[in-house]
């Protein structure tokens, strides 16, 4: 055989093998990875929502405590018999 025919045959075999590997292995693996990624994305979204909810609850708690403190300070300022150096108790 001519060496160009051998080279052409080897090139065809390598190309066919690569295509078979892509179709038989990589393509199904791509679908599996895509499914796993979507599942991971859903878990991440749920954890992010949980964090967001907890953050809002904490902010509401802080706001409530701040309102209570402002109310206490307002009442103390309106009281004529208050101490000269009022202390805020935690």
PDB file of N, CA and C in Angstrom:
ATOM      1  N   UNK A   1       0.830  -1.183   0.000  1.00  0.00           N
ATOM      2  CA  UNK A   1       0.000   0.000   0.000  1.00  0.00           C
ATOM      3  C   UNK A   1       0.872   1.242   0.000  1.00  0.00           C
ATOM      4  N   UNK A   2       0.324   2.202  -0.577  1.00  0.00           N
ATOM      5  CA  UNK A   2       0.989   3.497  -0.611  1.00  0.00           C
ATOM      6  C   UNK A   2       0.891   4.136   0.783  1.00  0.00           C
ATOM      7  N   UNK A   3       1.942   4.875   1.208  1.00  0.00           N
ATOM      8  CA  UNK A   3       1.914   5.441   2.559  1.00  0.00           C
ATOM      9  C   UNK A   3       0.821   6.498   2.713  1.00  0.00           C
ATOM     10  N   UNK A   4       0.380   7.145   1.639  1.00  0.00           N
ATOM     11  CA  UNK A   4      -0.715   8.103   1.735  1.00  0.00           C
ATOM     12  C   UNK A   4      -2.042   7.391   1.983  1.00  0.00           C
ATOM     13  N   UNK A   5      -2.203   6.209   1.393  1.00  0.00           N
ATOM     14  CA  UNK A   5      -3.416   5.431   1.635  1.00  0.00           C
ATOM     15  C   UNK A   5      -3.449   4.946   3.078  1.00  0.00           C
ATOM     16  N   UNK A   6      -2.287   4.558   3.607  1.00  0.00           N
ATOM     17  CA  UNK A   6      -2.205   4.113   5.001  1.00  0.00           C
ATOM     18  C   UNK A   6      -2.539   5.285   5.929  1.00  0.00           C
ATOM     19  N   UNK A   7      -1.967   6.439   5.627  1.00  0.00           N
ATOM     20  CA  UNK A   7      -2.227   7.629   6.431  1.00  0.00           C
ATOM     21  C   UNK A   7      -3.712   7.997   6.387  1.00  0.00           C
ATOM     22  N   UNK A   8      -4.317   7.888   5.219  1.00  0.00           N
ATOM     23  CA  UNK A   8      -5.746   8.169   5.078  1.00  0.00           C
ATOM     24  C   UNK A   8      -6.568   7.177   5.892  1.00  0.00           C
ATOM     25  N   UNK A   9      -6.203   5.906   5.849  1.00  0.00           N
ATOM     26  CA  UNK A   9      -6.905   4.876   6.602  1.00  0.00           C
ATOM     27  C   UNK A   9      -6.748   5.112   8.110  1.00  0.00           C
ATOM     28  N   UNK A  10      -5.534   5.428   8.573  1.00  0.00           N
ATOM     29  CA  UNK A  10      -5.289   5.697   9.996  1.00  0.00           C
ATOM     30  C   UNK A  10      -6.092   6.928  10.434  1.00  0.00           C
ATOM     31  N   UNK A  11      -6.100   7.951   9.600  1.00  0.00           N
ATOM     32  CA  UNK A  11      -6.860   9.160   9.912  1.00  0.00           C
ATOM     33  C   UNK A  11      -8.353   8.844  10.022  1.00  0.00           C
ATOM     34  N   UNK A  12      -8.873   8.022   9.127  1.00  0.00           N
ATOM     35  CA  UNK A  12     -10.277   7.624   9.170  1.00  0.00           C
ATOM     36  C   UNK A  12     -10.579   6.833  10.441  1.00  0.00           C
ATOM     37  N   UNK A  13      -9.703   5.915  10.821  1.00  0.00           N
ATOM     38  CA  UNK A  13      -9.903   5.104  12.026  1.00  0.00           C
ATOM     39  C   UNK A  13      -9.896   5.990  13.280  1.00  0.00           C
ATOM     40  N   UNK A  14      -8.944   6.916  13.354  1.00  0.00           N
ATOM     41  CA  UNK A  14      -8.867   7.818  14.512  1.00  0.00           C
ATOM     42  C   UNK A  14     -10.112   8.704  14.581  1.00  0.00           C
ATOM     43  N   UNK A  15     -10.536   9.245  13.445  1.00  0.00           N
ATOM     44  CA  UNK A  15     -11.735  10.090  13.409  1.00  0.00           C
ATOM     45  C   UNK A  15     -12.982   9.314  13.798  1.00  0.00           C
ATOM     46  N   UNK A  16     -13.114   8.088  13.289  1.00  0.00           N
ATOM     47  CA  UNK A  16     -14.275   7.256  13.618  1.00  0.00           C
ATOM     48  C   UNK A  16     -14.291   6.901  15.099  1.00  0.00           C
ATOM     49  N   UNK A  17     -13.118   6.585  15.642  1.00  0.00           N
ATOM     50  CA  UNK A  17     -13.018   6.260  17.066  1.00  0.00           C
ATOM     51  C   UNK A  17     -13.391   7.474  17.924  1.00  0.00           C
ATOM     52  N   UNK A  18     -12.900   8.644  17.546  1.00  0.00           N
ATOM     53  CA  UNK A  18     -13.214   9.861  18.300  1.00  0.00           C
ATOM     54  C   UNK A  18     -14.707  10.167  18.247  1.00  0.00           C
ATOM     55  N   UNK A  19     -15.309  10.028  17.078  1.00  0.00           N
ATOM     56  CA  UNK A  19     -16.741  10.273  16.942  1.00  0.00           C
ATOM     57  C   UNK A  19     -17.548   9.266  17.757  1.00  0.00           C
ATOM     58  N   UNK A  20     -17.146   8.002  17.711  1.00  0.00           N
ATOM     59  CA  UNK A  20     -17.833   6.972  18.497  1.00  0.00           C
ATOM     60  C   UNK A  20     -17.739   7.278  19.990  1.00  0.00           C
ATOM     61  N   UNK A  21     -16.574   7.737  20.448  1.00  0.00           N
ATOM     62  CA  UNK A  21     -16.389   8.083  21.856  1.00  0.00           C
ATOM     63  C   UNK A  21     -17.290   9.259  22.245  1.00  0.00           C
ATOM     64  N   UNK A  22     -17.374  10.253  21.374  1.00  0.00           N
ATOM     65  CA  UNK A  22     -18.229  11.404  21.665  1.00  0.00           C
ATOM     66  C   UNK A  22     -19.694  11.000  21.757  1.00  0.00           C
ATOM     67  N   UNK A  23     -20.142  10.198  20.795  1.00  0.00           N
ATOM     68  CA  UNK A  23     -21.548   9.799  20.760  1.00  0.00           C
ATOM     69  C   UNK A  23     -21.871   8.809  21.872  1.00  0.00           C
ATOM     70  N   UNK A  24     -20.974   7.872  22.129  1.00  0.00           N
ATOM     71  CA  UNK A  24     -21.252   6.812  23.098  1.00  0.00           C
ATOM     72  C   UNK A  24     -20.984   7.179  24.540  1.00  0.00           C
ATOM     73  N   UNK A  25     -20.023   8.056  24.804  1.00  0.00           N
ATOM     74  CA  UNK A  25     -19.620   8.350  26.181  1.00  0.00           C
ATOM     75  C   UNK A  25     -19.918   9.796  26.567  1.00  0.00           C
ATOM     76  N   UNK A  26     -19.391  10.731  25.818  1.00  0.00           N
ATOM     77  CA  UNK A  26     -19.488  12.131  26.221  1.00  0.00           C
ATOM     78  C   UNK A  26     -20.904  12.692  26.140  1.00  0.00           C
ATOM     79  N   UNK A  27     -21.648  12.335  25.112  1.00  0.00           N
ATOM     80  CA  UNK A  27     -22.993  12.882  24.961  1.00  0.00           C
ATOM     81  C   UNK A  27     -23.917  12.455  26.106  1.00  0.00           C
ATOM     82  N   UNK A  28     -24.009  11.151  26.440  1.00  0.00           N
ATOM     83  CA  UNK A  28     -24.842  10.766  27.594  1.00  0.00           C
ATOM     84  C   UNK A  28     -24.329  11.368  28.911  1.00  0.00           C
ATOM     85  N   UNK A  29     -23.015  11.466  29.050  1.00  0.00           N
ATOM     86  CA  UNK A  29     -22.425  12.034  30.259  1.00  0.00           C
ATOM     87  C   UNK A  29     -22.809  13.504  30.383  1.00  0.00           C
ATOM     88  N   UNK A  30     -22.890  14.189  29.248  1.00  0.00           N
ATOM     89  CA  UNK A  30     -23.305  15.593  29.243  1.00  0.00           C
ATOM     90  C   UNK A  30     -24.717  15.732  29.809  1.00  0.00           C
ATOM     91  N   UNK A  31     -25.621  14.844  29.434  1.00  0.00           N
ATOM     92  CA  UNK A  31     -26.990  14.898  29.948  1.00  0.00           C
ATOM     93  C   UNK A  31     -27.019  14.622  31.449  1.00  0.00           C
ATOM     94  N   UNK A  32     -26.210  13.689  31.905  1.00  0.00           N
ATOM     95  CA  UNK A  32     -26.144  13.393  33.334  1.00  0.00           C
ATOM     96  C   UNK A  32     -25.619  14.611  34.102  1.00  0.00           C
ATOM     97  N   UNK A  33     -24.570  15.227  33.595  1.00  0.00           N
ATOM     98  CA  UNK A  33     -24.016  16.413  34.247  1.00  0.00           C
ATOM     99  C   UNK A  33     -25.015  17.566  34.249  1.00  0.00           C
ATOM    100  N   UNK A  34     -25.750  17.714  33.173  1.00  0.00           N
ATOM    101  CA  UNK A  34     -26.750  18.773  33.094  1.00  0.00           C
ATOM    102  C   UNK A  34     -27.842  18.563  34.142  1.00  0.00           C
ATOM    103  N   UNK A  35     -28.294  17.331  34.295  1.00  0.00           N
ATOM    104  CA  UNK A  35     -29.300  17.017  35.319  1.00  0.00           C
ATOM    105  C   UNK A  35     -28.769  17.259  36.725  1.00  0.00           C
ATOM    106  N   UNK A  36     -27.533  16.834  36.974  1.00  0.00           N
ATOM    107  CA  UNK A  36     -26.915  17.059  38.285  1.00  0.00           C
ATOM    108  C   UNK A  36     -26.762  18.549  38.571  1.00  0.00           C
ATOM    109  N   UNK A  37     -26.401  19.316  37.558  1.00  0.00           N
ATOM    110  CA  UNK A  37     -26.249  20.756  37.735  1.00  0.00           C
ATOM    111  C   UNK A  37     -27.585  21.409  38.072  1.00  0.00           C
ATOM    112  N   UNK A  38     -28.650  21.005  37.399  1.00  0.00           N
ATOM    113  CA  UNK A  38     -29.968  21.582  37.681  1.00  0.00           C
ATOM    114  C   UNK A  38     -30.417  21.244  39.101  1.00  0.00           C
ATOM    115  N   UNK A  39     -30.127  20.027  39.549  1.00  0.00           N
ATOM    116  CA  UNK A  39     -30.457  19.631  40.921  1.00  0.00           C
ATOM    117  C   UNK A  39     -29.670  20.472  41.929  1.00  0.00           C
ATOM    118  N   UNK A  40     -28.398  20.668  41.664  1.00  0.00           N
ATOM    119  CA  UNK A  40     -27.557  21.492  42.529  1.00  0.00           C
ATOM    120  C   UNK A  40     -28.053  22.935  42.554  1.00  0.00           C
ATOM    121  N   UNK A  41     -28.483  23.422  41.409  1.00  0.00           N
ATOM    122  CA  UNK A  41     -28.998  24.786  41.322  1.00  0.00           C
ATOM    123  C   UNK A  41     -30.266  24.946  42.163  1.00  0.00           C
ATOM    124  N   UNK A  42     -31.147  23.932  42.155  1.00  0.00           N
ATOM    125  CA  UNK A  42     -32.363  23.983  42.971  1.00  0.00           C
ATOM    126  C   UNK A  42     -32.015  23.989  44.455  1.00  0.00           C
ATOM    127  N   UNK A  43     -31.051  23.163  44.858  1.00  0.00           N
ATOM    128  CA  UNK A  43     -30.624  23.140  46.262  1.00  0.00           C
ATOM    129  C   UNK A  43     -30.052  24.494  46.665  1.00  0.00           C
ATOM    130  N   UNK A  44     -29.262  25.073  45.787  1.00  0.00           N
ATOM    131  CA  UNK A  44     -28.668  26.378  46.079  1.00  0.00           C
ATOM    132  C   UNK A  44     -29.755  27.441  46.233  1.00  0.00           C
ATOM    133  N   UNK A  45     -30.745  27.421  45.364  1.00  0.00           N
ATOM    134  CA  UNK A  45     -31.835  28.394  45.449  1.00  0.00           C
ATOM    135  C   UNK A  45     -32.608  28.238  46.751  1.00  0.00           C
ATOM    136  N   UNK A  46     -32.855  26.996  47.178  1.00  0.00           N
ATOM    137  CA  UNK A  46     -33.599  26.796  48.421  1.00  0.00           C
ATOM    138  C   UNK A  46     -32.786  27.273  49.624  1.00  0.00           C
ATOM    139  N   UNK A  47     -31.479  27.023  49.621  1.00  0.00           N
ATOM    140  CA  UNK A  47     -30.638  27.506  50.725  1.00  0.00           C
ATOM    141  C   UNK A  47     -30.547  29.029  50.718  1.00  0.00           C
ATOM    142  N   UNK A  48     -30.484  29.606  49.552  1.00  0.00           N
ATOM    143  CA  UNK A  48     -30.439  31.057  49.444  1.00  0.00           C
ATOM    144  C   UNK A  48     -31.745  31.666  49.951  1.00  0.00           C
ATOM    145  N   UNK A  49     -32.870  31.041  49.637  1.00  0.00           N
ATOM    146  CA  UNK A  49     -34.163  31.519  50.127  1.00  0.00           C
ATOM    147  C   UNK A  49     -34.239  31.393  51.643  1.00  0.00           C
ATOM    148  N   UNK A  50     -33.736  30.291  52.193  1.00  0.00           N
ATOM    149  CA  UNK A  50     -33.711  30.102  53.640  1.00  0.00           C
ATOM    150  C   UNK A  50     -32.867  31.190  54.302  1.00  0.00           C
ATOM    151  N   UNK A  51     -31.695  31.469  53.748  1.00  0.00           N
ATOM    152  CA  UNK A  51     -30.840  32.532  54.276  1.00  0.00           C
ATOM    153  C   UNK A  51     -31.557  33.879  54.214  1.00  0.00           C
ATOM    154  N   UNK A  52     -32.215  34.143  53.097  1.00  0.00           N
ATOM    155  CA  UNK A  52     -32.939  35.402  52.915  1.00  0.00           C
ATOM    156  C   UNK A  52     -34.049  35.537  53.965  1.00  0.00           C
ATOM    157  N   UNK A  53     -34.795  34.459  54.191  1.00  0.00           N
ATOM    158  CA  UNK A  53     -35.874  34.486  55.184  1.00  0.00           C
ATOM    159  C   UNK A  53     -35.324  34.727  56.586  1.00  0.00           C
ATOM    160  N   UNK A  54     -34.242  34.036  56.922  1.00  0.00           N
ATOM    161  CA  UNK A  54     -33.634  34.224  58.247  1.00  0.00           C
ATOM    162  C   UNK A  54     -33.105  35.644  58.412  1.00  0.00           C
ATOM    163  N   UNK A  55     -32.536  36.189  57.355  1.00  0.00           N
ATOM    164  CA  UNK A  55     -32.022  37.560  57.404  1.00  0.00           C
ATOM    165  C   UNK A  55     -33.165  38.536  57.663  1.00  0.00           C
ATOM    166  N   UNK A  56     -34.303  38.354  56.985  1.00  0.00           N
ATOM    167  CA  UNK A  56     -35.435  39.250  57.191  1.00  0.00           C
ATOM    168  C   UNK A  56     -35.988  39.129  58.602  1.00  0.00           C
ATOM    169  N   UNK A  57     -36.040  37.912  59.133  1.00  0.00           N
ATOM    170  CA  UNK A  57     -36.508  37.730  60.503  1.00  0.00           C
ATOM    171  C   UNK A  57     -35.590  38.446  61.487  1.00  0.00           C
ATOM    172  N   UNK A  58     -34.295  38.343  61.281  1.00  0.00           N
ATOM    173  CA  UNK A  58     -33.332  39.014  62.155  1.00  0.00           C
ATOM    174  C   UNK A  58     -33.477  40.530  62.046  1.00  0.00           C
ATOM    175  N   UNK A  59     -33.660  41.044  60.838  1.00  0.00           N
ATOM    176  CA  UNK A  59     -33.859  42.480  60.664  1.00  0.00           C
ATOM    177  C   UNK A  59     -35.145  42.960  61.338  1.00  0.00           C
ATOM    178  N   UNK A  60     -36.199  42.164  61.257  1.00  0.00           N
ATOM    179  CA  UNK A  60     -37.448  42.519  61.930  1.00  0.00           C
ATOM    180  C   UNK A  60     -37.254  42.542  63.444  1.00  0.00           C
ATOM    181  N   UNK A  61     -36.513  41.573  63.951  1.00  0.00           N
ATOM    182  CA  UNK A  61     -36.221  41.514  65.384  1.00  0.00           C
ATOM    183  C   UNK A  61     -35.421  42.745  65.821  1.00  0.00           C
ATOM    184  N   UNK A  62     -34.418  43.101  65.053  1.00  0.00           N
ATOM    185  CA  UNK A  62     -33.603  44.285  65.363  1.00  0.00           C
ATOM    186  C   UNK A  62     -34.466  45.543  65.306  1.00  0.00           C
ATOM    187  N   UNK A  63     -35.315  45.645  64.307  1.00  0.00           N
ATOM    188  CA  UNK A  63     -36.193  46.803  64.164  1.00  0.00           C
ATOM    189  C   UNK A  63     -37.150  46.913  65.349  1.00  0.00           C
ATOM    190  N   UNK A  64     -37.696  45.781  65.774  1.00  0.00           N
ATOM    191  CA  UNK A  64     -38.599  45.770  66.920  1.00  0.00           C
ATOM    192  C   UNK A  64     -37.878  46.219  68.190  1.00  0.00           C
ATOM    193  N   UNK A  65     -36.679  45.703  68.399  1.00  0.00           N
ATOM    194  CA  UNK A  65     -35.907  46.101  69.582  1.00  0.00           C
ATOM    195  C   UNK A  65     -35.539  47.581  69.521  1.00  0.00           C
ATOM    196  N   UNK A  66     -35.209  48.065  68.352  1.00  0.00           N
ATOM    197  CA  UNK A  66     -34.872  49.479  68.188  1.00  0.00           C
ATOM    198  C   UNK A  66     -36.086  50.363  68.465  1.00  0.00           C
ATOM    199  N   UNK A  67     -37.260  49.963  67.969  1.00  0.00           N
ATOM    200  CA  UNK A  67     -38.486  50.716  68.253  1.00  0.00           C
ATOM    201  C   UNK A  67     -38.770  50.750  69.747  1.00  0.00           C
ATOM    202  N   UNK A  68     -38.595  49.621  70.408  1.00  0.00           N
ATOM    203  CA  UNK A  68     -38.808  49.547  71.850  1.00  0.00           C
ATOM    204  C   UNK A  68     -37.844  50.461  72.589  1.00  0.00           C
ATOM    205  N   UNK A  69     -36.597  50.466  72.180  1.00  0.00           N
ATOM    206  CA  UNK A  69     -35.588  51.310  72.811  1.00  0.00           C
ATOM    207  C   UNK A  69     -35.897  52.789  72.590  1.00  0.00           C
ATOM    208  N   UNK A  70     -36.296  53.150  71.383  1.00  0.00           N
ATOM    209  CA  UNK A  70     -36.657  54.541  71.089  1.00  0.00           C
ATOM    210  C   UNK A  70     -37.852  54.956  71.932  1.00  0.00           C
ATOM    211  N   UNK A  71     -38.825  54.063  72.069  1.00  0.00           N
ATOM    212  CA  UNK A  71     -40.002  54.356  72.887  1.00  0.00           C
ATOM    213  C   UNK A  71     -39.601  54.562  74.343  1.00  0.00           C
ATOM    214  N   UNK A  72     -38.726  53.701  74.869  1.00  0.00           N
ATOM    215  CA  UNK A  72     -38.259  53.840  76.251  1.00  0.00           C
ATOM    216  C   UNK A  72     -37.511  55.155  76.442  1.00  0.00           C
ATOM    217  N   UNK A  73     -36.657  55.502  75.508  1.00  0.00           N
ATOM    218  CA  UNK A  73     -35.910  56.755  75.619  1.00  0.00           C
ATOM    219  C   UNK A  73     -36.834  57.961  75.514  1.00  0.00           C
ATOM    220  N   UNK A  74     -37.849  57.869  74.681  1.00  0.00           N
ATOM    221  CA  UNK A  74     -38.819  58.953  74.553  1.00  0.00           C
ATOM    222  C   UNK A  74     -39.602  59.147  75.833  1.00  0.00           C
ATOM    223  N   UNK A  75     -39.999  58.053  76.476  1.00  0.00           N
ATOM    224  CA  UNK A  75     -40.710  58.141  77.744  1.00  0.00           C
ATOM    225  C   UNK A  75     -39.794  58.698  78.825  1.00  0.00           C
ATOM    226  N   UNK A  76     -38.527  58.313  78.818  1.00  0.00           N
ATOM    227  CA  UNK A  76     -37.581  58.806  79.819  1.00  0.00           C
ATOM    228  C   UNK A  76     -37.341  60.300  79.639  1.00  0.00           C
ATOM    229  N   UNK A  77     -37.315  60.785  78.411  1.00  0.00           N
ATOM    230  CA  UNK A  77     -37.103  62.209  78.154  1.00  0.00           C
ATOM    231  C   UNK A  77     -38.313  63.045  78.554  1.00  0.00           C
ATOM    232  N   UNK A  78     -39.504  62.464  78.508  1.00  0.00           N
ATOM    233  CA  UNK A  78     -40.722  63.180  78.881  1.00  0.00           C
ATOM    234  C   UNK A  78     -40.985  63.138  80.377  1.00  0.00           C
ATOM    235  N   UNK A  79     -40.270  62.318  81.119  1.00  0.00           N
ATOM    236  CA  UNK A  79     -40.455  62.168  82.561  1.00  0.00           C
ATOM    237  C   UNK A  79     -39.652  63.246  83.285  1.00  0.00           C
ATOM    238  N   UNK A  80     -40.303  64.177  84.028  1.00  0.00           N
ATOM    239  CA  UNK A  80     -39.562  65.246  84.701  1.00  0.00           C
ATOM    240  C   UNK A  80     -38.745  64.755  85.891  1.00  0.00           C
ATOM    241  N   UNK A  81     -39.026  63.571  86.418  1.00  0.00           N
ATOM    242  CA  UNK A  81     -38.312  63.033  87.575  1.00  0.00           C
ATOM    243  C   UNK A  81     -37.242  62.033  87.168  1.00  0.00           C
ATOM    244  N   UNK A  82     -36.720  62.152  85.994  1.00  0.00           N
ATOM    245  CA  UNK A  82     -35.725  61.193  85.513  1.00  0.00           C
ATOM    246  C   UNK A  82     -34.376  61.458  86.167  1.00  0.00           C
ATOM    247  N   UNK A  83     -33.514  60.477  86.073  1.00  0.00           N
ATOM    248  CA  UNK A  83     -32.168  60.594  86.627  1.00  0.00           C
ATOM    249  C   UNK A  83     -31.344  61.545  85.771  1.00  0.00           C
ATOM    250  N   UNK A  84     -30.306  62.098  86.371  1.00  0.00           N
ATOM    251  CA  UNK A  84     -29.435  63.013  85.641  1.00  0.00           C
ATOM    252  C   UNK A  84     -28.641  62.288  84.568  1.00  0.00           C
ATOM    253  N   UNK A  85     -28.208  61.057  84.835  1.00  0.00           N
ATOM    254  CA  UNK A  85     -27.437  60.252  83.877  1.00  0.00           C
ATOM    255  C   UNK A  85     -28.162  58.927  83.644  1.00  0.00           C
ATOM    256  N   UNK A  86     -29.168  58.907  82.791  1.00  0.00           N
ATOM    257  CA  UNK A  86     -29.886  57.638  82.574  1.00  0.00           C
ATOM    258  C   UNK A  86     -28.983  56.613  81.894  1.00  0.00           C
ATOM    259  N   UNK A  87     -29.115  55.379  82.326  1.00  0.00           N
ATOM    260  CA  UNK A  87     -28.334  54.288  81.742  1.00  0.00           C
ATOM    261  C   UNK A  87     -29.280  53.371  80.983  1.00  0.00           C
ATOM    262  N   UNK A  88     -28.829  52.928  79.853  1.00  0.00           N
ATOM    263  CA  UNK A  88     -29.607  51.995  79.045  1.00  0.00           C
ATOM    264  C   UNK A  88     -29.200  50.594  79.447  1.00  0.00           C
ATOM    265  N   UNK A  89     -30.163  49.777  79.840  1.00  0.00           N
ATOM    266  CA  UNK A  89     -29.884  48.402  80.256  1.00  0.00           C
ATOM    267  C   UNK A  89     -30.156  47.464  79.097  1.00  0.00           C
ATOM    268  N   UNK A  90     -29.271  46.512  78.890  1.00  0.00           N
ATOM    269  CA  UNK A  90     -29.430  45.543  77.796  1.00  0.00           C
ATOM    270  C   UNK A  90     -30.029  44.280  78.311  1.00  0.00           C
TER     271      UNK A  90
END
